[in-house]
């Protein structure tokens, strides 16, 4: 038996083994929002640079469409 289990002895000497629940972790919502905004900004910069590069190399804003 490992330390991550709880043993309960009932009437009639029956034993039930229950798993120990993991400790709950509280996530910081502000940290998640900050990471999401950083990702959005980085993806926007990549998209802008890709559009600028496509315009420089092809002369079209969206190659094949305009």
PDB file of N, CA and C in Angstrom:
ATOM      1  N   UNK A   1       0.845  -1.180   0.000  1.00  0.00           N
ATOM      2  CA  UNK A   1       0.000   0.000   0.000  1.00  0.00           C
ATOM      3  C   UNK A   1       0.888   1.240   0.000  1.00  0.00           C
ATOM      4  N   UNK A   2       0.545   2.217  -0.820  1.00  0.00           N
ATOM      5  CA  UNK A   2       1.340   3.436  -0.904  1.00  0.00           C
ATOM      6  C   UNK A   2       0.774   4.500   0.018  1.00  0.00           C
ATOM      7  N   UNK A   3       1.506   5.583   0.168  1.00  0.00           N
ATOM      8  CA  UNK A   3       1.082   6.653   1.063  1.00  0.00           C
ATOM      9  C   UNK A   3      -0.016   7.520   0.449  1.00  0.00           C
ATOM     10  N   UNK A   4      -0.360   7.299  -0.818  1.00  0.00           N
ATOM     11  CA  UNK A   4      -1.385   8.111  -1.466  1.00  0.00           C
ATOM     12  C   UNK A   4      -2.777   7.494  -1.335  1.00  0.00           C
ATOM     13  N   UNK A   5      -2.935   6.539  -0.414  1.00  0.00           N
ATOM     14  CA  UNK A   5      -4.221   5.886  -0.227  1.00  0.00           C
ATOM     15  C   UNK A   5      -4.642   5.966   1.231  1.00  0.00           C
ATOM     16  N   UNK A   6      -5.940   6.089   1.446  1.00  0.00           N
ATOM     17  CA  UNK A   6      -6.505   6.070   2.793  1.00  0.00           C
ATOM     18  C   UNK A   6      -7.245   4.756   2.970  1.00  0.00           C
ATOM     19  N   UNK A   7      -7.053   4.116   4.107  1.00  0.00           N
ATOM     20  CA  UNK A   7      -7.718   2.850   4.390  1.00  0.00           C
ATOM     21  C   UNK A   7      -8.727   3.089   5.499  1.00  0.00           C
ATOM     22  N   UNK A   8      -9.966   2.638   5.269  1.00  0.00           N
ATOM     23  CA  UNK A   8     -11.025   2.755   6.261  1.00  0.00           C
ATOM     24  C   UNK A   8     -11.490   1.341   6.593  1.00  0.00           C
ATOM     25  N   UNK A   9     -11.491   1.002   7.882  1.00  0.00           N
ATOM     26  CA  UNK A   9     -11.965  -0.314   8.314  1.00  0.00           C
ATOM     27  C   UNK A   9     -13.411  -0.161   8.786  1.00  0.00           C
ATOM     28  N   UNK A  10     -14.304  -0.943   8.168  1.00  0.00           N
ATOM     29  CA  UNK A  10     -15.721  -0.873   8.491  1.00  0.00           C
ATOM     30  C   UNK A  10     -16.103  -2.016   9.424  1.00  0.00           C
ATOM     31  N   UNK A  11     -17.398  -2.114   9.725  1.00  0.00           N
ATOM     32  CA  UNK A  11     -17.904  -3.220  10.540  1.00  0.00           C
ATOM     33  C   UNK A  11     -17.608  -4.539   9.851  1.00  0.00           C
ATOM     34  N   UNK A  12     -17.330  -5.565  10.594  1.00  0.00           N
ATOM     35  CA  UNK A  12     -17.053  -6.869  10.022  1.00  0.00           C
ATOM     36  C   UNK A  12     -15.637  -6.957   9.479  1.00  0.00           C
ATOM     37  N   UNK A  13     -14.763  -6.040   9.894  1.00  0.00           N
ATOM     38  CA  UNK A  13     -13.361  -6.039   9.491  1.00  0.00           C
ATOM     39  C   UNK A  13     -13.153  -5.867   7.979  1.00  0.00           C
ATOM     40  N   UNK A  14     -14.098  -5.218   7.314  1.00  0.00           N
ATOM     41  CA  UNK A  14     -13.925  -4.937   5.881  1.00  0.00           C
ATOM     42  C   UNK A  14     -13.132  -3.652   5.718  1.00  0.00           C
ATOM     43  N   UNK A  15     -12.242  -3.660   4.763  1.00  0.00           N
ATOM     44  CA  UNK A  15     -11.426  -2.470   4.522  1.00  0.00           C
ATOM     45  C   UNK A  15     -11.742  -1.881   3.147  1.00  0.00           C
ATOM     46  N   UNK A  16     -11.889  -0.590   3.125  1.00  0.00           N
ATOM     47  CA  UNK A  16     -12.061   0.153   1.880  1.00  0.00           C
ATOM     48  C   UNK A  16     -10.846   1.043   1.699  1.00  0.00           C
ATOM     49  N   UNK A  17     -10.320   1.077   0.495  1.00  0.00           N
ATOM     50  CA  UNK A  17      -9.156   1.897   0.200  1.00  0.00           C
ATOM     51  C   UNK A  17      -9.599   3.027  -0.726  1.00  0.00           C
ATOM     52  N   UNK A  18      -9.366   4.250  -0.295  1.00  0.00           N
ATOM     53  CA  UNK A  18      -9.727   5.429  -1.063  1.00  0.00           C
ATOM     54  C   UNK A  18      -8.452   6.183  -1.433  1.00  0.00           C
ATOM     55  N   UNK A  19      -8.446   6.739  -2.610  1.00  0.00           N
ATOM     56  CA  UNK A  19      -7.306   7.560  -3.024  1.00  0.00           C
ATOM     57  C   UNK A  19      -7.343   8.887  -2.285  1.00  0.00           C
ATOM     58  N   UNK A  20      -6.186   9.400  -1.959  1.00  0.00           N
ATOM     59  CA  UNK A  20      -6.093  10.708  -1.331  1.00  0.00           C
ATOM     60  C   UNK A  20      -6.259  11.762  -2.414  1.00  0.00           C
ATOM     61  N   UNK A  21      -7.131  12.721  -2.163  1.00  0.00           N
ATOM     62  CA  UNK A  21      -7.380  13.758  -3.163  1.00  0.00           C
ATOM     63  C   UNK A  21      -6.198  14.707  -3.225  1.00  0.00           C
ATOM     64  N   UNK A  22      -5.846  15.137  -4.444  1.00  0.00           N
ATOM     65  CA  UNK A  22      -4.724  16.079  -4.560  1.00  0.00           C
ATOM     66  C   UNK A  22      -5.102  17.437  -3.988  1.00  0.00           C
ATOM     67  N   UNK A  23      -4.107  18.160  -3.531  1.00  0.00           N
ATOM     68  CA  UNK A  23      -4.348  19.479  -2.983  1.00  0.00           C
ATOM     69  C   UNK A  23      -4.768  20.420  -4.098  1.00  0.00           C
ATOM     70  N   UNK A  24      -5.768  21.235  -3.837  1.00  0.00           N
ATOM     71  CA  UNK A  24      -6.266  22.157  -4.858  1.00  0.00           C
ATOM     72  C   UNK A  24      -5.306  23.314  -5.029  1.00  0.00           C
ATOM     73  N   UNK A  25      -5.184  23.756  -6.274  1.00  0.00           N
ATOM     74  CA  UNK A  25      -4.304  24.872  -6.592  1.00  0.00           C
ATOM     75  C   UNK A  25      -5.146  25.996  -7.168  1.00  0.00           C
ATOM     76  N   UNK A  26      -5.023  27.173  -6.608  1.00  0.00           N
ATOM     77  CA  UNK A  26      -5.777  28.326  -7.077  1.00  0.00           C
ATOM     78  C   UNK A  26      -4.947  29.023  -8.142  1.00  0.00           C
ATOM     79  N   UNK A  27      -5.559  29.190  -9.318  1.00  0.00           N
ATOM     80  CA  UNK A  27      -4.859  29.847 -10.415  1.00  0.00           C
ATOM     81  C   UNK A  27      -5.148  31.339 -10.382  1.00  0.00           C
ATOM     82  N   UNK A  28      -4.141  32.120 -10.655  1.00  0.00           N
ATOM     83  CA  UNK A  28      -4.285  33.567 -10.667  1.00  0.00           C
ATOM     84  C   UNK A  28      -4.849  34.008 -12.016  1.00  0.00           C
ATOM     85  N   UNK A  29      -6.041  34.592 -12.009  1.00  0.00           N
ATOM     86  CA  UNK A  29      -6.699  34.998 -13.254  1.00  0.00           C
ATOM     87  C   UNK A  29      -5.943  36.123 -13.945  1.00  0.00           C
ATOM     88  N   UNK A  30      -5.335  37.020 -13.168  1.00  0.00           N
ATOM     89  CA  UNK A  30      -4.605  38.129 -13.775  1.00  0.00           C
ATOM     90  C   UNK A  30      -3.412  37.613 -14.565  1.00  0.00           C
ATOM     91  N   UNK A  31      -2.760  36.579 -14.065  1.00  0.00           N
ATOM     92  CA  UNK A  31      -1.615  36.009 -14.764  1.00  0.00           C
ATOM     93  C   UNK A  31      -2.052  35.404 -16.095  1.00  0.00           C
ATOM     94  N   UNK A  32      -3.193  34.732 -16.106  1.00  0.00           N
ATOM     95  CA  UNK A  32      -3.697  34.150 -17.351  1.00  0.00           C
ATOM     96  C   UNK A  32      -4.060  35.237 -18.364  1.00  0.00           C
ATOM     97  N   UNK A  33      -4.681  36.301 -17.894  1.00  0.00           N
ATOM     98  CA  UNK A  33      -5.050  37.396 -18.801  1.00  0.00           C
ATOM     99  C   UNK A  33      -3.814  38.066 -19.380  1.00  0.00           C
ATOM    100  N   UNK A  34      -2.785  38.217 -18.553  1.00  0.00           N
ATOM    101  CA  UNK A  34      -1.550  38.841 -19.030  1.00  0.00           C
ATOM    102  C   UNK A  34      -0.895  37.973 -20.105  1.00  0.00           C
ATOM    103  N   UNK A  35      -0.850  36.655 -19.874  1.00  0.00           N
ATOM    104  CA  UNK A  35      -0.251  35.759 -20.863  1.00  0.00           C
ATOM    105  C   UNK A  35      -1.060  35.747 -22.152  1.00  0.00           C
ATOM    106  N   UNK A  36      -2.400  35.803 -22.049  1.00  0.00           N
ATOM    107  CA  UNK A  36      -3.255  35.815 -23.242  1.00  0.00           C
ATOM    108  C   UNK A  36      -3.020  37.080 -24.060  1.00  0.00           C
ATOM    109  N   UNK A  37      -2.898  38.215 -23.398  1.00  0.00           N
ATOM    110  CA  UNK A  37      -2.659  39.473 -24.115  1.00  0.00           C
ATOM    111  C   UNK A  37      -1.280  39.477 -24.766  1.00  0.00           C
ATOM    112  N   UNK A  38      -0.275  38.921 -24.082  1.00  0.00           N
ATOM    113  CA  UNK A  38       1.052  38.833 -24.693  1.00  0.00           C
ATOM    114  C   UNK A  38       1.022  37.959 -25.944  1.00  0.00           C
ATOM    115  N   UNK A  39       0.318  36.835 -25.873  1.00  0.00           N
ATOM    116  CA  UNK A  39       0.208  35.953 -27.030  1.00  0.00           C
ATOM    117  C   UNK A  39      -0.519  36.650 -28.178  1.00  0.00           C
ATOM    118  N   UNK A  40      -1.605  37.346 -27.880  1.00  0.00           N
ATOM    119  CA  UNK A  40      -2.343  38.072 -28.921  1.00  0.00           C
ATOM    120  C   UNK A  40      -1.460  39.122 -29.590  1.00  0.00           C
ATOM    121  N   UNK A  41      -0.695  39.845 -28.802  1.00  0.00           N
ATOM    122  CA  UNK A  41       0.194  40.859 -29.353  1.00  0.00           C
ATOM    123  C   UNK A  41       1.270  40.251 -30.233  1.00  0.00           C
ATOM    124  N   UNK A  42       1.850  39.150 -29.787  1.00  0.00           N
ATOM    125  CA  UNK A  42       2.898  38.496 -30.573  1.00  0.00           C
ATOM    126  C   UNK A  42       2.347  37.954 -31.891  1.00  0.00           C
ATOM    127  N   UNK A  43       1.171  37.348 -31.842  1.00  0.00           N
ATOM    128  CA  UNK A  43       0.565  36.830 -33.074  1.00  0.00           C
ATOM    129  C   UNK A  43       0.203  37.967 -34.032  1.00  0.00           C
ATOM    130  N   UNK A  44      -0.240  39.090 -33.485  1.00  0.00           N
ATOM    131  CA  UNK A  44      -0.553  40.248 -34.335  1.00  0.00           C
ATOM    132  C   UNK A  44       0.710  40.773 -35.010  1.00  0.00           C
ATOM    133  N   UNK A  45       1.821  40.798 -34.265  1.00  0.00           N
ATOM    134  CA  UNK A  45       3.082  41.248 -34.874  1.00  0.00           C
ATOM    135  C   UNK A  45       3.534  40.301 -35.976  1.00  0.00           C
ATOM    136  N   UNK A  46       3.372  39.004 -35.760  1.00  0.00           N
ATOM    137  CA  UNK A  46       3.733  38.028 -36.794  1.00  0.00           C
ATOM    138  C   UNK A  46       2.863  38.225 -38.033  1.00  0.00           C
ATOM    139  N   UNK A  47       1.562  38.413 -37.841  1.00  0.00           N
ATOM    140  CA  UNK A  47       0.648  38.621 -38.963  1.00  0.00           C
ATOM    141  C   UNK A  47       0.961  39.898 -39.722  1.00  0.00           C
ATOM    142  N   UNK A  48       1.264  40.965 -39.004  1.00  0.00           N
ATOM    143  CA  UNK A  48       1.604  42.228 -39.663  1.00  0.00           C
ATOM    144  C   UNK A  48       2.875  42.085 -40.481  1.00  0.00           C
ATOM    145  N   UNK A  49       3.878  41.451 -39.899  1.00  0.00           N
ATOM    146  CA  UNK A  49       5.139  41.263 -40.629  1.00  0.00           C
ATOM    147  C   UNK A  49       4.956  40.342 -41.831  1.00  0.00           C
ATOM    148  N   UNK A  50       4.107  39.331 -41.714  1.00  0.00           N
ATOM    149  CA  UNK A  50       3.837  38.445 -42.849  1.00  0.00           C
ATOM    150  C   UNK A  50       3.134  39.214 -43.970  1.00  0.00           C
ATOM    151  N   UNK A  51       2.174  40.059 -43.618  1.00  0.00           N
ATOM    152  CA  UNK A  51       1.481  40.861 -44.633  1.00  0.00           C
ATOM    153  C   UNK A  51       2.433  41.852 -45.284  1.00  0.00           C
ATOM    154  N   UNK A  52       3.298  42.478 -44.490  1.00  0.00           N
ATOM    155  CA  UNK A  52       4.270  43.415 -45.027  1.00  0.00           C
ATOM    156  C   UNK A  52       5.253  42.701 -45.954  1.00  0.00           C
ATOM    157  N   UNK A  53       5.719  41.522 -45.549  1.00  0.00           N
ATOM    158  CA  UNK A  53       6.625  40.752 -46.397  1.00  0.00           C
ATOM    159  C   UNK A  53       5.963  40.317 -47.684  1.00  0.00           C
ATOM    160  N   UNK A  54       4.697  39.907 -47.628  1.00  0.00           N
ATOM    161  CA  UNK A  54       3.985  39.507 -48.841  1.00  0.00           C
ATOM    162  C   UNK A  54       3.819  40.698 -49.775  1.00  0.00           C
ATOM    163  N   UNK A  55       3.563  41.876 -49.220  1.00  0.00           N
ATOM    164  CA  UNK A  55       3.414  43.073 -50.054  1.00  0.00           C
ATOM    165  C   UNK A  55       4.737  43.458 -50.705  1.00  0.00           C
ATOM    166  N   UNK A  56       5.808  43.341 -49.943  1.00  0.00           N
ATOM    167  CA  UNK A  56       7.125  43.700 -50.486  1.00  0.00           C
ATOM    168  C   UNK A  56       7.514  42.757 -51.619  1.00  0.00           C
ATOM    169  N   UNK A  57       7.303  41.461 -51.423  1.00  0.00           N
ATOM    170  CA  UNK A  57       7.751  40.485 -52.415  1.00  0.00           C
ATOM    171  C   UNK A  57       6.803  40.334 -53.607  1.00  0.00           C
ATOM    172  N   UNK A  58       5.492  40.514 -53.409  1.00  0.00           N
ATOM    173  CA  UNK A  58       4.544  40.273 -54.502  1.00  0.00           C
ATOM    174  C   UNK A  58       3.865  41.549 -54.996  1.00  0.00           C
ATOM    175  N   UNK A  59       3.855  42.599 -54.198  1.00  0.00           N
ATOM    176  CA  UNK A  59       3.169  43.821 -54.587  1.00  0.00           C
ATOM    177  C   UNK A  59       1.674  43.748 -54.347  1.00  0.00           C
ATOM    178  N   UNK A  60       1.209  42.678 -53.738  1.00  0.00           N
ATOM    179  CA  UNK A  60      -0.218  42.512 -53.439  1.00  0.00           C
ATOM    180  C   UNK A  60      -0.415  42.473 -51.929  1.00  0.00           C
ATOM    181  N   UNK A  61      -1.533  43.033 -51.478  1.00  0.00           N
ATOM    182  CA  UNK A  61      -1.818  43.029 -50.051  1.00  0.00           C
ATOM    183  C   UNK A  61      -2.068  41.600 -49.581  1.00  0.00           C
ATOM    184  N   UNK A  62      -2.954  40.902 -50.270  1.00  0.00           N
ATOM    185  CA  UNK A  62      -3.184  39.475 -50.014  1.00  0.00           C
ATOM    186  C   UNK A  62      -2.905  38.751 -51.316  1.00  0.00           C
ATOM    187  N   UNK A  63      -1.775  38.051 -51.435  1.00  0.00           N
ATOM    188  CA  UNK A  63      -1.419  37.418 -52.707  1.00  0.00           C
ATOM    189  C   UNK A  63      -2.519  36.489 -53.213  1.00  0.00           C
ATOM    190  N   UNK A  64      -2.902  36.669 -54.448  1.00  0.00           N
ATOM    191  CA  UNK A  64      -3.914  35.842 -55.074  1.00  0.00           C
ATOM    192  C   UNK A  64      -5.319  36.390 -54.927  1.00  0.00           C
ATOM    193  N   UNK A  65      -5.528  37.412 -54.090  1.00  0.00           N
ATOM    194  CA  UNK A  65      -6.868  37.956 -53.910  1.00  0.00           C
ATOM    195  C   UNK A  65      -6.917  39.390 -54.423  1.00  0.00           C
ATOM    196  N   UNK A  66      -6.023  40.258 -53.974  1.00  0.00           N
ATOM    197  CA  UNK A  66      -6.020  41.670 -54.392  1.00  0.00           C
ATOM    198  C   UNK A  66      -4.844  41.952 -55.267  1.00  0.00           C
TER     199      UNK A  66
END
